[in-house]
């Protein structure tokens, strides 16, 4: 198999037919008839699965992987990559915001630079000001706290060699962040500037974005734990200095300052810090708890695909 195209389905019913048609046309231009399109149904609540199965029954190029429930976009993508057999794998979203025709553009760029991965980057993030600001803050916070140089406004669309995909799948995190794993896997990766369309509203709420940031940072960095250590050290040192100051004042015959408000404020402040730091440690402990159980990060209910010899029936 020369090429595998992988996409996930979630509330994608209105896009599936056009996506398959356009993706198939782009694939034929590049590799002829030697390709497959893998659609991973991530527990979509609409008719995405039934429509995808109907298309697969009439086209042997289409493979539908039905997950047992909604596991999340990143885990569904990794599951799709596990099923891919092509020498090159083109991963993208199925909502047509990322155009299937980019395949040939990415392939030309990969051949020109002899690289292992070509991924798309937006010049300007789509959406309103809130989405643009939150996206910018996410990438800055991620780079600052993890040390991983993930570029701004990276998109899902990427063309990868089979060797790269094989090594990417060696990562076995249960609470995974695929954006960090893409870069952590290494190899020669090149960015390509693209223009992403806005065909549907984002499914990532502010709460989901914050959760995604916490998961991303704690998956790739222990810096929050180191930060709590240093802050604890600074607070302790400050307290010792203040105690020494009070002792000096006592021996000089000056009564220490009194104040109910300052005492209450201090208790609230340090109680809040203690709870916060315990929460940070709790997040890491919960990740350890999740990882040591070694549960699969997705469960496949069934795979729909017809054999090539049945395509004429």
Protein backbone atom coordinates (compact mmCIF):
# COMPACT_ATOMS: atom_id res chain seq x y z
CA UNK A 1 0.00 0.00 0.00
CA UNK A 2 1.50 3.32 -1.09
CA UNK A 3 -0.77 5.71 0.79
CA UNK A 4 -3.09 5.75 3.80
CA UNK A 5 -5.40 8.68 4.52
CA UNK A 6 -6.58 8.81 8.15
CA UNK A 7 -9.39 10.96 9.53
CA UNK A 8 -11.64 10.89 12.60
CA UNK A 9 -15.41 11.26 12.68
CA UNK A 10 -17.31 13.26 15.29
CA UNK A 11 -20.44 15.12 14.25
CA UNK A 12 -19.15 14.74 10.70
CA UNK A 13 -22.25 13.44 8.90
CA UNK A 14 -22.61 16.43 6.58
CA UNK A 15 -18.98 16.23 5.44
CA UNK A 16 -18.27 12.51 5.02
CA UNK A 17 -19.39 11.96 1.44
CA UNK A 18 -17.62 15.03 0.07
CA UNK A 19 -14.53 14.26 2.13
CA UNK A 20 -14.25 10.72 0.78
CA UNK A 21 -14.78 11.89 -2.80
CA UNK A 22 -12.18 14.66 -2.60
CA UNK A 23 -9.70 12.55 -0.64
CA UNK A 24 -10.04 9.70 -3.13
CA UNK A 25 -9.50 12.05 -6.09
CA UNK A 26 -6.38 13.53 -4.50
CA UNK A 27 -5.03 10.06 -3.66
CA UNK A 28 -5.54 8.79 -7.22
CA UNK A 29 -3.64 11.78 -8.61
CA UNK A 30 -0.71 10.89 -6.37
CA UNK A 31 -0.56 7.07 -6.24
CA UNK A 32 -3.18 5.78 -8.63
CA UNK A 33 -5.37 3.02 -7.18
CA UNK A 34 -3.00 1.96 -4.39
CA UNK A 35 -4.44 3.80 -1.40
CA UNK A 36 -6.83 3.46 1.54
CA UNK A 37 -8.98 5.92 3.49
CA UNK A 38 -9.37 5.07 7.18
CA UNK A 39 -12.28 6.75 8.99
CA UNK A 40 -12.31 6.40 12.78
CA UNK A 41 -15.73 6.91 14.33
CA UNK A 42 -15.04 8.43 17.74
CA UNK A 43 -18.47 7.73 19.22
CA UNK A 44 -20.14 10.33 17.02
CA UNK A 45 -23.72 11.05 18.20
CA UNK A 46 -25.02 11.78 14.69
CA UNK A 47 -25.30 9.55 11.60
CA UNK A 48 -21.58 9.61 10.83
CA UNK A 49 -21.12 5.86 11.36
CA UNK A 50 -24.06 4.71 9.23
CA UNK A 51 -23.11 7.05 6.39
CA UNK A 52 -19.47 5.97 6.51
CA UNK A 53 -20.47 2.28 6.48
CA UNK A 54 -22.74 2.90 3.49
CA UNK A 55 -19.88 4.50 1.57
CA UNK A 56 -17.49 1.70 2.61
CA UNK A 57 -19.92 -0.94 1.30
CA UNK A 58 -19.55 0.57 -2.17
CA UNK A 59 -15.86 1.48 -2.12
CA UNK A 60 -13.11 -0.97 -1.14
CA UNK A 61 -10.73 1.95 -0.54
CA UNK A 62 -12.72 2.96 2.55
CA UNK A 63 -12.11 1.38 5.94
CA UNK A 64 -14.34 2.38 8.88
CA UNK A 65 -13.02 1.83 12.41
CA UNK A 66 -15.86 2.09 14.93
CA UNK A 67 -14.76 2.81 18.51
CA UNK A 68 -16.91 1.54 21.35
CA UNK A 69 -17.48 5.09 22.66
CA UNK A 70 -16.08 8.60 22.50
CA UNK A 71 -12.44 8.46 23.62
CA UNK A 72 -11.29 11.86 22.38
CA UNK A 73 -9.77 13.28 19.22
CA UNK A 74 -6.13 12.50 19.99
CA UNK A 75 -6.74 8.89 20.98
CA UNK A 76 -8.93 8.33 17.93
CA UNK A 77 -6.16 9.67 15.67
CA UNK A 78 -3.62 7.32 17.21
CA UNK A 79 -6.01 4.40 16.69
CA UNK A 80 -6.40 5.35 13.04
CA UNK A 81 -2.63 5.49 12.61
CA UNK A 82 -2.38 2.00 14.09
CA UNK A 83 -4.60 0.71 11.27
CA UNK A 84 -2.67 2.50 8.50
CA UNK A 85 -0.49 0.32 6.26
CA UNK A 86 0.66 2.83 3.62
CA UNK A 87 4.26 3.81 2.86
CA UNK A 88 3.09 7.36 3.55
CA UNK A 89 0.25 8.39 5.86
CA UNK A 90 -1.80 11.55 5.44
CA UNK A 91 -3.60 12.57 8.63
CA UNK A 92 -6.25 15.29 8.60
CA UNK A 93 -9.66 16.24 9.99
CA UNK A 94 -12.77 15.22 8.07
CA UNK A 95 -14.72 18.50 8.44
CA UNK A 96 -13.13 19.91 5.24
CA UNK A 97 -11.56 22.84 7.09
CA UNK A 98 -8.35 21.07 6.13
CA UNK A 99 -8.57 20.38 2.41
CA UNK A 100 -7.86 16.85 1.13
CA UNK A 101 -6.19 18.45 -1.90
CA UNK A 102 -3.32 19.49 0.36
CA UNK A 103 -2.10 15.89 -0.02
CA UNK A 104 -0.39 16.57 -3.33
CA UNK A 105 1.07 19.85 -2.06
CA UNK A 106 2.48 18.12 1.02
CA UNK A 107 3.82 15.21 -1.06
CA UNK A 108 5.61 17.58 -3.44
CA UNK A 109 7.16 19.42 -0.49
CA UNK A 110 8.22 16.12 1.13
CA UNK A 111 9.86 14.92 -2.06
CA UNK A 112 11.62 18.23 -2.60
CA UNK A 113 13.13 18.36 0.89
CA UNK A 114 13.49 14.58 1.43
CA UNK A 115 11.96 14.89 4.90
CA UNK A 116 9.97 12.49 7.06
CA UNK A 117 7.05 14.75 7.98
CA UNK A 118 5.31 17.74 6.43
CA UNK A 119 2.75 19.44 8.66
CA UNK A 120 0.50 22.43 8.14
CA UNK A 121 0.70 25.70 10.07
CA UNK A 122 -1.81 28.55 9.85
CA UNK A 123 -0.51 32.05 9.24
CA UNK A 124 -3.36 33.40 11.39
CA UNK A 125 -5.60 31.39 13.68
CA UNK A 126 -9.24 31.17 12.57
CA UNK A 127 -12.16 32.14 14.80
CA UNK A 128 -13.01 35.13 16.98
CA UNK A 129 -10.71 37.07 19.23
CA UNK A 130 -11.34 34.78 22.20
CA UNK A 131 -10.29 31.70 20.24
CA UNK A 132 -7.21 33.45 18.83
CA UNK A 133 -6.10 34.76 22.23
CA UNK A 134 -6.69 31.46 24.03
CA UNK A 135 -4.83 29.60 21.28
CA UNK A 136 -1.85 31.96 21.50
CA UNK A 137 -1.74 31.66 25.29
CA UNK A 138 -1.91 27.86 25.07
CA UNK A 139 1.13 27.57 22.80
CA UNK A 140 3.15 30.05 24.86
CA UNK A 141 2.31 28.31 28.13
CA UNK A 142 3.03 24.90 26.61
CA UNK A 143 6.47 25.95 25.34
CA UNK A 144 7.34 27.70 28.61
CA UNK A 145 6.35 24.82 30.88
CA UNK A 146 7.53 21.87 28.77
CA UNK A 147 10.50 23.15 26.78
CA UNK A 148 9.01 21.59 23.62
CA UNK A 149 9.09 24.07 20.73
CA UNK A 150 5.64 23.42 19.32
CA UNK A 151 4.91 26.07 16.65
CA UNK A 152 1.88 28.34 16.92
CA UNK A 153 -1.31 27.49 15.05
CA UNK A 154 -0.30 23.98 14.04
CA UNK A 155 -3.10 21.98 12.41
CA UNK A 156 -3.90 18.28 12.29
CA UNK A 157 -3.03 17.86 8.60
CA UNK A 158 0.33 16.18 8.11
CA UNK A 159 1.97 13.77 5.69
CA UNK A 160 4.25 11.20 7.36
CA UNK A 161 6.47 8.35 6.31
CA UNK A 162 5.67 4.86 7.50
CA UNK A 163 8.88 4.75 9.55
CA UNK A 164 7.90 7.91 11.41
CA UNK A 165 4.39 6.59 12.13
CA UNK A 166 5.84 3.30 13.40
CA UNK A 167 8.05 5.13 15.88
CA UNK A 168 5.25 7.50 16.88
CA UNK A 169 3.08 4.53 17.81
CA UNK A 170 5.75 3.26 20.19
CA UNK A 171 4.60 5.88 22.68
CA UNK A 172 2.19 4.12 25.01
CA UNK A 173 0.80 6.90 27.20
CA UNK A 174 -2.82 6.44 28.23
CA UNK A 175 -3.34 10.17 28.84
CA UNK A 176 -1.69 11.28 25.65
CA UNK A 177 -1.21 14.64 23.97
CA UNK A 178 -0.51 13.90 20.33
CA UNK A 179 0.83 17.39 19.55
CA UNK A 180 3.74 16.90 21.93
CA UNK A 181 4.34 13.33 20.77
CA UNK A 182 4.61 14.52 17.16
CA UNK A 183 7.62 16.63 18.06
CA UNK A 184 9.03 14.27 20.68
CA UNK A 185 9.30 11.49 18.07
CA UNK A 186 11.87 13.50 16.16
CA UNK A 187 12.94 12.85 12.54
CA UNK A 188 13.15 15.57 9.90
CA UNK A 189 9.92 17.57 10.15
CA UNK A 190 9.07 20.58 7.98
CA UNK A 191 6.22 23.06 8.31
CA UNK A 192 4.16 24.33 5.39
CA UNK A 193 2.04 27.48 5.56
CA UNK A 194 -1.61 26.81 4.75
CA UNK A 195 -4.97 28.57 4.99
CA UNK A 196 -7.53 26.66 7.02
CA UNK A 197 -11.21 27.20 6.30
CA UNK A 198 -13.90 27.73 8.95
CA UNK A 199 -16.73 25.35 8.05
CA UNK A 200 -17.90 24.40 11.54
CA UNK A 201 -17.79 25.75 15.11
CA UNK A 202 -15.04 24.41 17.33
CA UNK A 203 -15.92 21.53 19.66
CA UNK A 204 -13.32 22.70 22.19
CA UNK A 205 -14.90 24.76 24.98
CA UNK A 206 -12.83 26.96 27.31
CA UNK A 207 -13.04 24.23 29.94
CA UNK A 208 -11.81 21.66 27.42
CA UNK A 209 -8.92 23.92 26.40
CA UNK A 210 -7.84 24.39 30.02
CA UNK A 211 -8.07 20.65 30.61
CA UNK A 212 -6.08 20.07 27.43
CA UNK A 213 -3.35 22.48 28.60
CA UNK A 214 -3.08 20.84 32.03
CA UNK A 215 -2.89 17.39 30.42
CA UNK A 216 -0.31 18.55 27.88
CA UNK A 217 1.96 20.19 30.44
CA UNK A 218 1.82 17.38 32.99
CA UNK A 219 2.41 14.80 30.24
CA UNK A 220 5.68 16.32 29.10
CA UNK A 221 7.15 18.23 32.01
CA UNK A 222 7.82 17.93 35.74
CA UNK A 223 8.37 21.69 35.97
CA UNK A 224 5.17 22.31 38.01
CA UNK A 225 6.52 19.96 40.69
CA UNK A 226 9.90 21.71 40.65
CA UNK A 227 8.08 25.04 40.84
CA UNK A 228 6.24 23.97 44.01
CA UNK A 229 9.58 23.01 45.59
CA UNK A 230 11.14 26.39 44.90
CA UNK A 231 8.07 28.32 45.98
CA UNK A 232 7.97 26.30 49.21
CA UNK A 233 11.64 27.09 49.77
CA UNK A 234 11.09 30.81 49.20
CA UNK A 235 8.11 30.90 51.56
CA UNK A 236 10.06 29.04 54.25
CA UNK A 237 13.05 31.35 53.87
CA UNK A 238 10.80 34.40 54.09
CA UNK A 239 9.19 33.01 57.24
CA UNK A 240 12.59 32.40 58.85
CA UNK A 241 13.70 35.93 58.05
CA UNK A 242 10.51 37.32 59.57
CA UNK A 243 10.94 35.17 62.71
CA UNK A 244 14.50 36.42 63.08
CA UNK A 245 13.21 39.99 62.73
CA UNK A 246 10.64 39.43 65.50
CA UNK A 247 13.28 37.91 67.81
CA UNK A 248 15.56 40.90 67.28
CA UNK A 249 12.73 43.29 68.04
CA UNK A 250 11.87 41.29 71.18
CA UNK A 251 15.40 41.59 72.60
CA UNK A 252 15.46 45.28 71.74
CA UNK A 253 12.43 45.68 73.94
CA UNK A 254 9.97 46.46 71.17
CA UNK A 255 6.69 44.54 71.15
CA UNK A 256 6.01 42.61 67.92
CA UNK A 257 3.36 44.11 65.65
CA UNK A 258 -0.20 42.94 66.22
CA UNK A 259 -2.96 42.66 63.61
CA UNK A 260 -5.94 40.38 63.18
CA UNK A 261 -6.38 41.23 59.48
CA UNK A 262 -2.79 40.36 58.56
CA UNK A 263 -3.00 37.06 60.43
CA UNK A 264 -6.22 36.02 58.68
CA UNK A 265 -4.86 37.09 55.28
CA UNK A 266 -1.68 35.08 55.87
CA UNK A 267 -3.65 31.98 56.87
CA UNK A 268 -5.81 32.22 53.75
CA UNK A 269 -2.80 32.79 51.51
CA UNK A 270 -0.71 29.91 52.76
CA UNK A 271 -3.68 27.57 53.08
CA UNK A 272 -4.48 28.30 49.45
CA UNK A 273 -0.86 27.64 48.44
CA UNK A 274 -0.83 24.34 50.30
CA UNK A 275 -4.05 23.17 48.65
CA UNK A 276 -2.81 24.32 45.24
CA UNK A 277 0.49 22.48 45.57
CA UNK A 278 -1.24 19.35 46.82
CA UNK A 279 -3.50 19.58 43.77
CA UNK A 280 -0.49 19.76 41.43
CA UNK A 281 1.01 16.69 43.04
CA UNK A 282 -2.38 15.00 42.90
CA UNK A 283 -2.53 15.48 39.14
CA UNK A 284 0.80 13.73 38.70
CA UNK A 285 -0.21 10.93 41.06
CA UNK A 286 -3.46 10.44 39.13
CA UNK A 287 -1.44 10.15 35.91
CA UNK A 288 0.77 7.51 37.50
CA UNK A 289 -2.38 5.71 38.65
CA UNK A 290 -3.75 5.78 35.10
CA UNK A 291 -0.53 4.65 33.44
CA UNK A 292 0.26 1.72 35.73
CA UNK A 293 -3.13 0.13 35.04
CA UNK A 294 -2.13 -0.21 31.37
CA UNK A 295 -5.66 0.03 30.08
CA UNK A 296 -6.04 0.46 26.29
CA UNK A 297 -6.63 4.10 25.40
CA UNK A 298 -9.32 3.09 22.89
CA UNK A 299 -11.48 0.03 22.30
CA UNK A 300 -12.51 -0.92 18.75
CA UNK A 301 -16.05 -2.24 18.44
CA UNK A 302 -15.68 -3.31 14.80
CA UNK A 303 -13.93 -2.61 11.52
CA UNK A 304 -15.89 -2.31 8.25
CA UNK A 305 -14.12 -3.00 4.98
CA UNK A 306 -14.83 -4.97 1.82
CA UNK A 307 -12.22 -6.89 -0.13
CA UNK A 308 -11.00 -5.59 -3.47
CA UNK A 309 -12.48 -8.45 -5.40
CA UNK A 310 -15.94 -7.55 -4.04
CA UNK A 311 -15.86 -3.98 -5.34
CA UNK A 312 -17.54 -4.87 -8.64
CA UNK A 313 -20.54 -6.50 -6.99
